[in-house]
Amino acid sequence: MGEHRTTLTLATVDARYPRPLGQFLGDNAPTQLSTLGKFELLALSNTALFCSVHGHGNVMLRSYDQAARWRDAGRCIIGGFYSPVEKECFRILLHGSQPIIICPARALPKRVPPE
C-alpha cells in the first residue's frame, strides 16, 4: 500500500518527465510535475474526462453510460473530477478495477481522498 502514496517531483529536464506534455503545451508546459502514487500510470494510453458544470440531462446520462463502458473495458481515465458529472463518473469508475488518474487543477492534496 505504501507504493500508492509515493510522492515524486520531476523537472522538465528529468528523463521521466512526460514528453507529450511539452509536445502538446509547448512553452506553457509546467516546469515541474508532482505525482502521488503510481507514476507508471502516466505512461499508459489514457482518456481524459472533462465535463462542464452546465449540462443537459440527456448528455449527463450518456456521460454516465460512457463511464461505465470505459470501466468495463478497463480503460485508464484521467481527470480532475470537479464538476458534478465528473464526480458521478468517478463514482461509476470506482466500481471497476481499471486505473484512474486524478489530476488536481493546482496542487496535490495533503491527504488522499477516501474514495
PDB file of N, CA and C in Angstrom:
ATOM      1  N   MET A   1       0.835  -1.198   0.000  1.00  0.00           N
ATOM      2  CA  MET A   1       0.000   0.000   0.000  1.00  0.00           C
ATOM      3  C   MET A   1       0.869   1.245   0.000  1.00  0.00           C
ATOM      4  N   GLY A   2       2.061   1.200   0.582  1.00  0.00           N
ATOM      5  CA  GLY A   2       2.931   2.359   0.634  1.00  0.00           C
ATOM      6  C   GLY A   2       3.307   2.894  -0.724  1.00  0.00           C
ATOM      7  N   GLU A   3       3.404   2.012  -1.742  1.00  0.00           N
ATOM      8  CA  GLU A   3       3.793   2.463  -3.062  1.00  0.00           C
ATOM      9  C   GLU A   3       2.747   3.389  -3.681  1.00  0.00           C
ATOM     10  N   HIS A   4       1.520   3.292  -3.256  1.00  0.00           N
ATOM     11  CA  HIS A   4       0.458   4.139  -3.794  1.00  0.00           C
ATOM     12  C   HIS A   4       0.563   5.573  -3.290  1.00  0.00           C
ATOM     13  N   ARG A   5       1.342   5.806  -2.264  1.00  0.00           N
ATOM     14  CA  ARG A   5       1.427   7.139  -1.674  1.00  0.00           C
ATOM     15  C   ARG A   5       2.812   7.741  -1.830  1.00  0.00           C
ATOM     16  N   THR A   6       3.583   7.240  -2.773  1.00  0.00           N
ATOM     17  CA  THR A   6       4.919   7.753  -3.017  1.00  0.00           C
ATOM     18  C   THR A   6       4.822   9.067  -3.789  1.00  0.00           C
ATOM     19  N   THR A   7       5.450  10.106  -3.258  1.00  0.00           N
ATOM     20  CA  THR A   7       5.456  11.401  -3.930  1.00  0.00           C
ATOM     21  C   THR A   7       6.708  11.504  -4.785  1.00  0.00           C
ATOM     22  N   LEU A   8       6.532  11.977  -6.008  1.00  0.00           N
ATOM     23  CA  LEU A   8       7.632  12.149  -6.940  1.00  0.00           C
ATOM     24  C   LEU A   8       7.475  13.509  -7.602  1.00  0.00           C
ATOM     25  N   THR A   9       8.538  14.295  -7.614  1.00  0.00           N
ATOM     26  CA  THR A   9       8.513  15.594  -8.284  1.00  0.00           C
ATOM     27  C   THR A   9       9.558  15.567  -9.387  1.00  0.00           C
ATOM     28  N   LEU A  10       9.129  15.919 -10.592  1.00  0.00           N
ATOM     29  CA  LEU A  10      10.005  15.896 -11.754  1.00  0.00           C
ATOM     30  C   LEU A  10      10.102  17.269 -12.394  1.00  0.00           C
ATOM     31  N   ALA A  11      11.295  17.641 -12.775  1.00  0.00           N
ATOM     32  CA  ALA A  11      11.506  18.858 -13.567  1.00  0.00           C
ATOM     33  C   ALA A  11      11.529  18.446 -15.038  1.00  0.00           C
ATOM     34  N   THR A  12      11.367  19.398 -15.918  1.00  0.00           N
ATOM     35  CA  THR A  12      11.328  19.094 -17.358  1.00  0.00           C
ATOM     36  C   THR A  12      12.614  18.438 -17.847  1.00  0.00           C
ATOM     37  N   VAL A  13      13.716  18.640 -17.157  1.00  0.00           N
ATOM     38  CA  VAL A  13      14.987  18.045 -17.593  1.00  0.00           C
ATOM     39  C   VAL A  13      15.101  16.572 -17.190  1.00  0.00           C
ATOM     40  N   ASP A  14      14.218  16.080 -16.322  1.00  0.00           N
ATOM     41  CA  ASP A  14      14.240  14.682 -15.903  1.00  0.00           C
ATOM     42  C   ASP A  14      13.764  13.801 -17.059  1.00  0.00           C
ATOM     43  N   ALA A  15      14.474  12.712 -17.313  1.00  0.00           N
ATOM     44  CA  ALA A  15      14.121  11.805 -18.412  1.00  0.00           C
ATOM     45  C   ALA A  15      12.737  11.182 -18.231  1.00  0.00           C
ATOM     46  N   ARG A  16      12.242  11.114 -16.995  1.00  0.00           N
ATOM     47  CA  ARG A  16      10.923  10.523 -16.742  1.00  0.00           C
ATOM     48  C   ARG A  16       9.778  11.515 -16.941  1.00  0.00           C
ATOM     49  N   TYR A  17      10.089  12.799 -17.120  1.00  0.00           N
ATOM     50  CA  TYR A  17       9.057  13.819 -17.350  1.00  0.00           C
ATOM     51  C   TYR A  17       8.293  13.430 -18.621  1.00  0.00           C
ATOM     52  N   PRO A  18       6.968  13.434 -18.584  1.00  0.00           N
ATOM     53  CA  PRO A  18       6.180  13.020 -19.762  1.00  0.00           C
ATOM     54  C   PRO A  18       6.391  13.966 -20.950  1.00  0.00           C
ATOM     55  N   ARG A  19       7.079  13.495 -21.962  1.00  0.00           N
ATOM     56  CA  ARG A  19       7.386  14.313 -23.145  1.00  0.00           C
ATOM     57  C   ARG A  19       6.147  14.818 -23.876  1.00  0.00           C
ATOM     58  N   PRO A  20       5.039  14.050 -23.926  1.00  0.00           N
ATOM     59  CA  PRO A  20       3.852  14.580 -24.609  1.00  0.00           C
ATOM     60  C   PRO A  20       3.366  15.908 -24.021  1.00  0.00           C
ATOM     61  N   LEU A  21       3.626  16.131 -22.734  1.00  0.00           N
ATOM     62  CA  LEU A  21       3.221  17.390 -22.108  1.00  0.00           C
ATOM     63  C   LEU A  21       3.878  18.563 -22.825  1.00  0.00           C
ATOM     64  N   GLY A  22       5.170  18.453 -23.056  1.00  0.00           N
ATOM     65  CA  GLY A  22       5.886  19.507 -23.769  1.00  0.00           C
ATOM     66  C   GLY A  22       5.458  19.616 -25.218  1.00  0.00           C
ATOM     67  N   GLN A  23       5.164  18.476 -25.835  1.00  0.00           N
ATOM     68  CA  GLN A  23       4.741  18.481 -27.234  1.00  0.00           C
ATOM     69  C   GLN A  23       3.394  19.171 -27.405  1.00  0.00           C
ATOM     70  N   PHE A  24       2.465  18.908 -26.496  1.00  0.00           N
ATOM     71  CA  PHE A  24       1.129  19.485 -26.605  1.00  0.00           C
ATOM     72  C   PHE A  24       1.058  20.918 -26.094  1.00  0.00           C
ATOM     73  N   LEU A  25       1.783  21.210 -25.024  1.00  0.00           N
ATOM     74  CA  LEU A  25       1.658  22.515 -24.377  1.00  0.00           C
ATOM     75  C   LEU A  25       2.780  23.488 -24.714  1.00  0.00           C
ATOM     76  N   GLY A  26       3.851  23.001 -25.299  1.00  0.00           N
ATOM     77  CA  GLY A  26       4.963  23.879 -25.681  1.00  0.00           C
ATOM     78  C   GLY A  26       5.502  24.649 -24.491  1.00  0.00           C
ATOM     79  N   ASP A  27       5.640  25.960 -24.650  1.00  0.00           N
ATOM     80  CA  ASP A  27       6.168  26.810 -23.584  1.00  0.00           C
ATOM     81  C   ASP A  27       5.244  26.894 -22.374  1.00  0.00           C
ATOM     82  N   ASN A  28       3.987  26.473 -22.528  1.00  0.00           N
ATOM     83  CA  ASN A  28       3.034  26.506 -21.417  1.00  0.00           C
ATOM     84  C   ASN A  28       3.078  25.243 -20.557  1.00  0.00           C
ATOM     85  N   ALA A  29       3.927  24.284 -20.921  1.00  0.00           N
ATOM     86  CA  ALA A  29       4.043  23.061 -20.117  1.00  0.00           C
ATOM     87  C   ALA A  29       4.617  23.410 -18.748  1.00  0.00           C
ATOM     88  N   PRO A  30       4.128  22.774 -17.698  1.00  0.00           N
ATOM     89  CA  PRO A  30       4.658  23.063 -16.354  1.00  0.00           C
ATOM     90  C   PRO A  30       6.137  22.687 -16.264  1.00  0.00           C
ATOM     91  N   THR A  31       6.904  23.506 -15.580  1.00  0.00           N
ATOM     92  CA  THR A  31       8.331  23.236 -15.427  1.00  0.00           C
ATOM     93  C   THR A  31       8.585  22.156 -14.395  1.00  0.00           C
ATOM     94  N   GLN A  32       7.579  21.863 -13.601  1.00  0.00           N
ATOM     95  CA  GLN A  32       7.698  20.842 -12.571  1.00  0.00           C
ATOM     96  C   GLN A  32       6.385  20.089 -12.486  1.00  0.00           C
ATOM     97  N   LEU A  33       6.476  18.801 -12.256  1.00  0.00           N
ATOM     98  CA  LEU A  33       5.300  17.949 -12.158  1.00  0.00           C
ATOM     99  C   LEU A  33       5.433  17.109 -10.899  1.00  0.00           C
ATOM    100  N   SER A  34       4.397  17.108 -10.063  1.00  0.00           N
ATOM    101  CA  SER A  34       4.404  16.304  -8.846  1.00  0.00           C
ATOM    102  C   SER A  34       3.362  15.212  -8.955  1.00  0.00           C
ATOM    103  N   THR A  35       3.726  14.028  -8.518  1.00  0.00           N
ATOM    104  CA  THR A  35       2.796  12.908  -8.555  1.00  0.00           C
ATOM    105  C   THR A  35       2.716  12.278  -7.175  1.00  0.00           C
ATOM    106  N   LEU A  36       1.605  11.636  -6.932  1.00  0.00           N
ATOM    107  CA  LEU A  36       1.386  10.903  -5.701  1.00  0.00           C
ATOM    108  C   LEU A  36       0.781   9.571  -6.113  1.00  0.00           C
ATOM    109  N   GLY A  37       1.513   8.504  -5.957  1.00  0.00           N
ATOM    110  CA  GLY A  37       1.002   7.204  -6.353  1.00  0.00           C
ATOM    111  C   GLY A  37       1.875   6.545  -7.398  1.00  0.00           C
ATOM    112  N   LYS A  38       1.244   5.775  -8.256  1.00  0.00           N
ATOM    113  CA  LYS A  38       1.971   5.004  -9.266  1.00  0.00           C
ATOM    114  C   LYS A  38       2.269   5.874 -10.486  1.00  0.00           C
ATOM    115  N   PHE A  39       3.470   6.373 -10.546  1.00  0.00           N
ATOM    116  CA  PHE A  39       3.896   7.245 -11.633  1.00  0.00           C
ATOM    117  C   PHE A  39       3.760   6.562 -13.000  1.00  0.00           C
ATOM    118  N   GLU A  40       3.925   5.244 -13.034  1.00  0.00           N
ATOM    119  CA  GLU A  40       3.878   4.492 -14.294  1.00  0.00           C
ATOM    120  C   GLU A  40       2.535   4.631 -15.017  1.00  0.00           C
ATOM    121  N   LEU A  41       1.477   4.977 -14.288  1.00  0.00           N
ATOM    122  CA  LEU A  41       0.160   5.114 -14.919  1.00  0.00           C
ATOM    123  C   LEU A  41       0.153   6.197 -15.988  1.00  0.00           C
ATOM    124  N   LEU A  42       1.018   7.201 -15.834  1.00  0.00           N
ATOM    125  CA  LEU A  42       1.064   8.275 -16.835  1.00  0.00           C
ATOM    126  C   LEU A  42       1.559   7.784 -18.182  1.00  0.00           C
ATOM    127  N   ALA A  43       2.268   6.649 -18.206  1.00  0.00           N
ATOM    128  CA  ALA A  43       2.777   6.102 -19.459  1.00  0.00           C
ATOM    129  C   ALA A  43       1.716   5.294 -20.204  1.00  0.00           C
ATOM    130  N   LEU A  44       0.616   4.962 -19.540  1.00  0.00           N
ATOM    131  CA  LEU A  44      -0.454   4.204 -20.186  1.00  0.00           C
ATOM    132  C   LEU A  44      -1.203   5.074 -21.189  1.00  0.00           C
ATOM    133  N   SER A  45      -1.827   4.415 -22.127  1.00  0.00           N
ATOM    134  CA  SER A  45      -2.758   5.120 -23.001  1.00  0.00           C
ATOM    135  C   SER A  45      -3.975   5.435 -22.138  1.00  0.00           C
ATOM    136  N   ASN A  46      -4.343   6.703 -22.037  1.00  0.00           N
ATOM    137  CA  ASN A  46      -5.472   7.048 -21.175  1.00  0.00           C
ATOM    138  C   ASN A  46      -6.403   8.027 -21.873  1.00  0.00           C
ATOM    139  N   THR A  47      -7.589   8.128 -21.328  1.00  0.00           N
ATOM    140  CA  THR A  47      -8.630   9.008 -21.855  1.00  0.00           C
ATOM    141  C   THR A  47      -8.937  10.069 -20.822  1.00  0.00           C
ATOM    142  N   ALA A  48      -8.940  11.319 -21.251  1.00  0.00           N
ATOM    143  CA  ALA A  48      -9.243  12.425 -20.343  1.00  0.00           C
ATOM    144  C   ALA A  48     -10.750  12.630 -20.265  1.00  0.00           C
ATOM    145  N   LEU A  49     -11.224  12.846 -19.053  1.00  0.00           N
ATOM    146  CA  LEU A  49     -12.632  13.151 -18.820  1.00  0.00           C
ATOM    147  C   LEU A  49     -12.727  14.599 -18.380  1.00  0.00           C
ATOM    148  N   PHE A  50     -13.446  15.394 -19.146  1.00  0.00           N
ATOM    149  CA  PHE A  50     -13.600  16.814 -18.853  1.00  0.00           C
ATOM    150  C   PHE A  50     -15.023  17.201 -19.189  1.00  0.00           C
ATOM    151  N   CYS A  51     -15.787  17.652 -18.203  1.00  0.00           N
ATOM    152  CA  CYS A  51     -17.194  17.993 -18.402  1.00  0.00           C
ATOM    153  C   CYS A  51     -17.499  19.359 -17.799  1.00  0.00           C
ATOM    154  N   SER A  52     -18.373  20.074 -18.443  1.00  0.00           N
ATOM    155  CA  SER A  52     -18.833  21.365 -17.950  1.00  0.00           C
ATOM    156  C   SER A  52     -19.719  21.175 -16.726  1.00  0.00           C
ATOM    157  N   VAL A  53     -19.794  22.205 -15.912  1.00  0.00           N
ATOM    158  CA  VAL A  53     -20.725  22.147 -14.774  1.00  0.00           C
ATOM    159  C   VAL A  53     -22.160  22.322 -15.251  1.00  0.00           C
ATOM    160  N   HIS A  54     -22.327  22.823 -16.467  1.00  0.00           N
ATOM    161  CA  HIS A  54     -23.654  23.014 -17.052  1.00  0.00           C
ATOM    162  C   HIS A  54     -23.867  21.939 -18.103  1.00  0.00           C
ATOM    163  N   GLY A  55     -24.856  21.100 -17.894  1.00  0.00           N
ATOM    164  CA  GLY A  55     -25.118  20.035 -18.854  1.00  0.00           C
ATOM    165  C   GLY A  55     -26.586  19.687 -18.886  1.00  0.00           C
ATOM    166  N   HIS A  56     -27.019  19.224 -20.030  1.00  0.00           N
ATOM    167  CA  HIS A  56     -28.400  18.792 -20.179  1.00  0.00           C
ATOM    168  C   HIS A  56     -28.525  17.347 -19.714  1.00  0.00           C
ATOM    169  N   GLY A  57     -29.711  16.986 -19.276  1.00  0.00           N
ATOM    170  CA  GLY A  57     -29.956  15.662 -18.728  1.00  0.00           C
ATOM    171  C   GLY A  57     -29.522  14.525 -19.624  1.00  0.00           C
ATOM    172  N   ASN A  58     -29.850  14.620 -20.934  1.00  0.00           N
ATOM    173  CA  ASN A  58     -29.506  13.506 -21.822  1.00  0.00           C
ATOM    174  C   ASN A  58     -27.991  13.387 -22.011  1.00  0.00           C
ATOM    175  N   VAL A  59     -27.273  14.506 -21.987  1.00  0.00           N
ATOM    176  CA  VAL A  59     -25.814  14.474 -22.096  1.00  0.00           C
ATOM    177  C   VAL A  59     -25.221  13.861 -20.832  1.00  0.00           C
ATOM    178  N   MET A  60     -25.783  14.214 -19.694  1.00  0.00           N
ATOM    179  CA  MET A  60     -25.295  13.649 -18.434  1.00  0.00           C
ATOM    180  C   MET A  60     -25.481  12.136 -18.419  1.00  0.00           C
ATOM    181  N   LEU A  61     -26.641  11.662 -18.824  1.00  0.00           N
ATOM    182  CA  LEU A  61     -26.907  10.228 -18.835  1.00  0.00           C
ATOM    183  C   LEU A  61     -25.977   9.498 -19.797  1.00  0.00           C
ATOM    184  N   ARG A  62     -25.727  10.093 -20.966  1.00  0.00           N
ATOM    185  CA  ARG A  62     -24.796   9.482 -21.923  1.00  0.00           C
ATOM    186  C   ARG A  62     -23.382   9.445 -21.359  1.00  0.00           C
ATOM    187  N   SER A  63     -23.018  10.472 -20.588  1.00  0.00           N
ATOM    188  CA  SER A  63     -21.696  10.504 -19.946  1.00  0.00           C
ATOM    189  C   SER A  63     -21.559   9.367 -18.944  1.00  0.00           C
ATOM    190  N   TYR A  64     -22.599   9.126 -18.161  1.00  0.00           N
ATOM    191  CA  TYR A  64     -22.563   8.044 -17.172  1.00  0.00           C
ATOM    192  C   TYR A  64     -22.454   6.680 -17.868  1.00  0.00           C
ATOM    193  N   ASP A  65     -23.204   6.535 -18.971  1.00  0.00           N
ATOM    194  CA  ASP A  65     -23.126   5.286 -19.733  1.00  0.00           C
ATOM    195  C   ASP A  65     -21.721   5.082 -20.302  1.00  0.00           C
ATOM    196  N   GLN A  66     -21.111   6.169 -20.790  1.00  0.00           N
ATOM    197  CA  GLN A  66     -19.763   6.085 -21.352  1.00  0.00           C
ATOM    198  C   GLN A  66     -18.755   5.719 -20.261  1.00  0.00           C
ATOM    199  N   ALA A  67     -18.904   6.308 -19.085  1.00  0.00           N
ATOM    200  CA  ALA A  67     -18.010   5.982 -17.964  1.00  0.00           C
ATOM    201  C   ALA A  67     -18.108   4.494 -17.621  1.00  0.00           C
ATOM    202  N   ALA A  68     -19.313   3.948 -17.652  1.00  0.00           N
ATOM    203  CA  ALA A  68     -19.498   2.519 -17.372  1.00  0.00           C
ATOM    204  C   ALA A  68     -18.834   1.669 -18.451  1.00  0.00           C
ATOM    205  N   ARG A  69     -18.914   2.095 -19.713  1.00  0.00           N
ATOM    206  CA  ARG A  69     -18.254   1.351 -20.794  1.00  0.00           C
ATOM    207  C   ARG A  69     -16.736   1.388 -20.618  1.00  0.00           C
ATOM    208  N   TRP A  70     -16.192   2.559 -20.277  1.00  0.00           N
ATOM    209  CA  TRP A  70     -14.745   2.671 -20.033  1.00  0.00           C
ATOM    210  C   TRP A  70     -14.339   1.766 -18.872  1.00  0.00           C
ATOM    211  N   ARG A  71     -15.124   1.801 -17.809  1.00  0.00           N
ATOM    212  CA  ARG A  71     -14.849   0.963 -16.642  1.00  0.00           C
ATOM    213  C   ARG A  71     -14.827  -0.508 -17.030  1.00  0.00           C
ATOM    214  N   ASP A  72     -15.850  -0.952 -17.749  1.00  0.00           N
ATOM    215  CA  ASP A  72     -15.962  -2.356 -18.132  1.00  0.00           C
ATOM    216  C   ASP A  72     -14.858  -2.781 -19.100  1.00  0.00           C
ATOM    217  N   ALA A  73     -14.358  -1.831 -19.898  1.00  0.00           N
ATOM    218  CA  ALA A  73     -13.278  -2.122 -20.849  1.00  0.00           C
ATOM    219  C   ALA A  73     -11.900  -2.022 -20.195  1.00  0.00           C
ATOM    220  N   GLY A  74     -11.847  -1.555 -18.950  1.00  0.00           N
ATOM    221  CA  GLY A  74     -10.560  -1.417 -18.269  1.00  0.00           C
ATOM    222  C   GLY A  74      -9.750  -0.222 -18.725  1.00  0.00           C
ATOM    223  N   ARG A  75     -10.413   0.751 -19.298  1.00  0.00           N
ATOM    224  CA  ARG A  75      -9.747   1.937 -19.839  1.00  0.00           C
ATOM    225  C   ARG A  75      -9.233   2.835 -18.719  1.00  0.00           C
ATOM    226  N   CYS A  76      -7.985   3.296 -18.822  1.00  0.00           N
ATOM    227  CA  CYS A  76      -7.417   4.230 -17.844  1.00  0.00           C
ATOM    228  C   CYS A  76      -7.992   5.620 -18.107  1.00  0.00           C
ATOM    229  N   ILE A  77      -8.587   6.228 -17.093  1.00  0.00           N
ATOM    230  CA  ILE A  77      -9.224   7.544 -17.221  1.00  0.00           C
ATOM    231  C   ILE A  77      -8.464   8.543 -16.361  1.00  0.00           C
ATOM    232  N   ILE A  78      -8.256   9.737 -16.918  1.00  0.00           N
ATOM    233  CA  ILE A  78      -7.581  10.811 -16.195  1.00  0.00           C
ATOM    234  C   ILE A  78      -8.504  12.022 -16.158  1.00  0.00           C
ATOM    235  N   GLY A  79      -8.570  12.685 -15.016  1.00  0.00           N
ATOM    236  CA  GLY A  79      -9.408  13.877 -14.906  1.00  0.00           C
ATOM    237  C   GLY A  79      -9.266  14.522 -13.538  1.00  0.00           C
ATOM    238  N   GLY A  80      -9.842  15.693 -13.434  1.00  0.00           N
ATOM    239  CA  GLY A  80      -9.848  16.404 -12.162  1.00  0.00           C
ATOM    240  C   GLY A  80     -11.006  15.997 -11.284  1.00  0.00           C
ATOM    241  N   PHE A  81     -12.090  15.537 -11.917  1.00  0.00           N
ATOM    242  CA  PHE A  81     -13.285  15.070 -11.224  1.00  0.00           C
ATOM    243  C   PHE A  81     -13.856  16.158 -10.316  1.00  0.00           C
ATOM    244  N   TYR A  82     -14.026  17.349 -10.890  1.00  0.00           N
ATOM    245  CA  TYR A  82     -14.549  18.501 -10.140  1.00  0.00           C
ATOM    246  C   TYR A  82     -16.043  18.730 -10.368  1.00  0.00           C
ATOM    247  N   SER A  83     -16.482  18.719 -11.628  1.00  0.00           N
ATOM    248  CA  SER A  83     -17.880  19.037 -11.927  1.00  0.00           C
ATOM    249  C   SER A  83     -18.783  17.906 -11.423  1.00  0.00           C
ATOM    250  N   PRO A  84     -20.068  18.191 -11.248  1.00  0.00           N
ATOM    251  CA  PRO A  84     -20.992  17.145 -10.784  1.00  0.00           C
ATOM    252  C   PRO A  84     -20.994  15.902 -11.691  1.00  0.00           C
ATOM    253  N   VAL A  85     -20.942  16.105 -13.001  1.00  0.00           N
ATOM    254  CA  VAL A  85     -20.928  14.966 -13.927  1.00  0.00           C
ATOM    255  C   VAL A  85     -19.636  14.171 -13.746  1.00  0.00           C
ATOM    256  N   GLU A  86     -18.511  14.864 -13.645  1.00  0.00           N
ATOM    257  CA  GLU A  86     -17.224  14.184 -13.437  1.00  0.00           C
ATOM    258  C   GLU A  86     -17.226  13.404 -12.128  1.00  0.00           C
ATOM    259  N   LYS A  87     -17.798  13.980 -11.083  1.00  0.00           N
ATOM    260  CA  LYS A  87     -17.843  13.296  -9.787  1.00  0.00           C
ATOM    261  C   LYS A  87     -18.664  12.016  -9.877  1.00  0.00           C
ATOM    262  N   GLU A  88     -19.790  12.072 -10.596  1.00  0.00           N
ATOM    263  CA  GLU A  88     -20.615  10.872 -10.738  1.00  0.00           C
ATOM    264  C   GLU A  88     -19.907   9.835 -11.604  1.00  0.00           C
ATOM    265  N   CYS A  89     -19.227  10.275 -12.649  1.00  0.00           N
ATOM    266  CA  CYS A  89     -18.445   9.340 -13.468  1.00  0.00           C
ATOM    267  C   CYS A  89     -17.349   8.697 -12.628  1.00  0.00           C
ATOM    268  N   PHE A  90     -16.737   9.469 -11.745  1.00  0.00           N
ATOM    269  CA  PHE A  90     -15.708   8.945 -10.850  1.00  0.00           C
ATOM    270  C   PHE A  90     -16.277   7.830  -9.975  1.00  0.00           C
ATOM    271  N   ARG A  91     -17.468   8.058  -9.430  1.00  0.00           N
ATOM    272  CA  ARG A  91     -18.113   7.032  -8.597  1.00  0.00           C
ATOM    273  C   ARG A  91     -18.376   5.755  -9.414  1.00  0.00           C
ATOM    274  N   ILE A  92     -18.773   5.933 -10.667  1.00  0.00           N
ATOM    275  CA  ILE A  92     -19.009   4.782 -11.551  1.00  0.00           C
ATOM    276  C   ILE A  92     -17.693   4.046 -11.800  1.00  0.00           C
ATOM    277  N   LEU A  93     -16.641   4.795 -12.083  1.00  0.00           N
ATOM    278  CA  LEU A  93     -15.336   4.193 -12.360  1.00  0.00           C
ATOM    279  C   LEU A  93     -14.783   3.440 -11.154  1.00  0.00           C
ATOM    280  N   LEU A  94     -15.089   3.919  -9.961  1.00  0.00           N
ATOM    281  CA  LEU A  94     -14.586   3.268  -8.748  1.00  0.00           C
ATOM    282  C   LEU A  94     -15.097   1.842  -8.575  1.00  0.00           C
ATOM    283  N   HIS A  95     -16.143   1.485  -9.296  1.00  0.00           N
ATOM    284  CA  HIS A  95     -16.687   0.126  -9.205  1.00  0.00           C
ATOM    285  C   HIS A  95     -15.949  -0.846 -10.117  1.00  0.00           C
ATOM    286  N   GLY A  96     -14.921  -0.363 -10.811  1.00  0.00           N
ATOM    287  CA  GLY A  96     -14.129  -1.221 -11.677  1.00  0.00           C
ATOM    288  C   GLY A  96     -12.730  -1.397 -11.127  1.00  0.00           C
ATOM    289  N   SER A  97     -11.910  -2.073 -11.905  1.00  0.00           N
ATOM    290  CA  SER A  97     -10.531  -2.313 -11.484  1.00  0.00           C
ATOM    291  C   SER A  97      -9.531  -1.577 -12.369  1.00  0.00           C
ATOM    292  N   GLN A  98     -10.026  -0.775 -13.308  1.00  0.00           N
ATOM    293  CA  GLN A  98      -9.158  -0.040 -14.220  1.00  0.00           C
ATOM    294  C   GLN A  98      -8.435   1.081 -13.477  1.00  0.00           C
ATOM    295  N   PRO A  99      -7.281   1.509 -13.999  1.00  0.00           N
ATOM    296  CA  PRO A  99      -6.576   2.629 -13.357  1.00  0.00           C
ATOM    297  C   PRO A  99      -7.349   3.939 -13.523  1.00  0.00           C
ATOM    298  N   ILE A 100      -7.253   4.778 -12.513  1.00  0.00           N
ATOM    299  CA  ILE A 100      -7.828   6.123 -12.547  1.00  0.00           C
ATOM    300  C   ILE A 100      -6.727   7.079 -12.127  1.00  0.00           C
ATOM    301  N   ILE A 101      -6.545   8.134 -12.905  1.00  0.00           N
ATOM    302  CA  ILE A 101      -5.556   9.153 -12.565  1.00  0.00           C
ATOM    303  C   ILE A 101      -6.305  10.423 -12.209  1.00  0.00           C
ATOM    304  N   ILE A 102      -6.137  10.865 -10.969  1.00  0.00           N
ATOM    305  CA  ILE A 102      -6.759  12.116 -10.520  1.00  0.00           C
ATOM    306  C   ILE A 102      -5.737  13.224 -10.729  1.00  0.00           C
ATOM    307  N   CYS A 103      -6.140  14.226 -11.472  1.00  0.00           N
ATOM    308  CA  CYS A 103      -5.234  15.315 -11.837  1.00  0.00           C
ATOM    309  C   CYS A 103      -5.783  16.628 -11.282  1.00  0.00           C
ATOM    310  N   PRO A 104      -5.376  16.983 -10.051  1.00  0.00           N
ATOM    311  CA  PRO A 104      -5.900  18.221  -9.457  1.00  0.00           C
ATOM    312  C   PRO A 104      -5.466  19.454 -10.248  1.00  0.00           C
ATOM    313  N   ALA A 105      -6.300  20.457 -10.236  1.00  0.00           N
ATOM    314  CA  ALA A 105      -6.030  21.673 -11.013  1.00  0.00           C
ATOM    315  C   ALA A 105      -4.835  22.456 -10.492  1.00  0.00           C
ATOM    316  N   ARG A 106      -4.569  22.377  -9.206  1.00  0.00           N
ATOM    317  CA  ARG A 106      -3.485  23.200  -8.649  1.00  0.00           C
ATOM    318  C   ARG A 106      -2.410  22.385  -7.959  1.00  0.00           C
ATOM    319  N   ALA A 107      -2.690  21.847  -6.811  1.00  0.00           N
ATOM    320  CA  ALA A 107      -1.663  21.162  -6.018  1.00  0.00           C
ATOM    321  C   ALA A 107      -2.170  19.805  -5.565  1.00  0.00           C
ATOM    322  N   LEU A 108      -1.260  18.938  -5.223  1.00  0.00           N
ATOM    323  CA  LEU A 108      -1.641  17.648  -4.671  1.00  0.00           C
ATOM    324  C   LEU A 108      -2.304  17.858  -3.323  1.00  0.00           C
ATOM    325  N   PRO A 109      -3.317  17.057  -3.009  1.00  0.00           N
ATOM    326  CA  PRO A 109      -3.965  17.200  -1.702  1.00  0.00           C
ATOM    327  C   PRO A 109      -3.022  16.786  -0.578  1.00  0.00           C
ATOM    328  N   LYS A 110      -3.278  17.308   0.601  1.00  0.00           N
ATOM    329  CA  LYS A 110      -2.480  16.933   1.775  1.00  0.00           C
ATOM    330  C   LYS A 110      -2.727  15.471   2.156  1.00  0.00           C
ATOM    331  N   ARG A 111      -3.925  14.983   1.859  1.00  0.00           N
ATOM    332  CA  ARG A 111      -4.237  13.592   2.141  1.00  0.00           C
ATOM    333  C   ARG A 111      -4.994  13.015   0.950  1.00  0.00           C
ATOM    334  N   VAL A 112      -4.901  11.720   0.794  1.00  0.00           N
ATOM    335  CA  VAL A 112      -5.581  11.040  -0.299  1.00  0.00           C
ATOM    336  C   VAL A 112      -7.071  10.940   0.034  1.00  0.00           C
ATOM    337  N   PRO A 113      -7.954  11.312  -0.913  1.00  0.00           N
ATOM    338  CA  PRO A 113      -9.399  11.216  -0.641  1.00  0.00           C
ATOM    339  C   PRO A 113      -9.784   9.774  -0.317  1.00  0.00           C
ATOM    340  N   PRO A 114     -10.787   9.574   0.546  1.00  0.00           N
ATOM    341  CA  PRO A 114     -11.150   8.234   0.960  1.00  0.00           C
ATOM    342  C   PRO A 114     -11.625   7.337  -0.198  1.00  0.00           C
ATOM    343  N   GLU A 115     -12.174   7.918  -1.263  1.00  0.00           N
ATOM    344  CA  GLU A 115     -12.620   7.117  -2.406  1.00  0.00           C
ATOM    345  C   GLU A 115     -11.447   6.385  -2.987  1.00  0.00           C
TER     346      GLU A 115
END
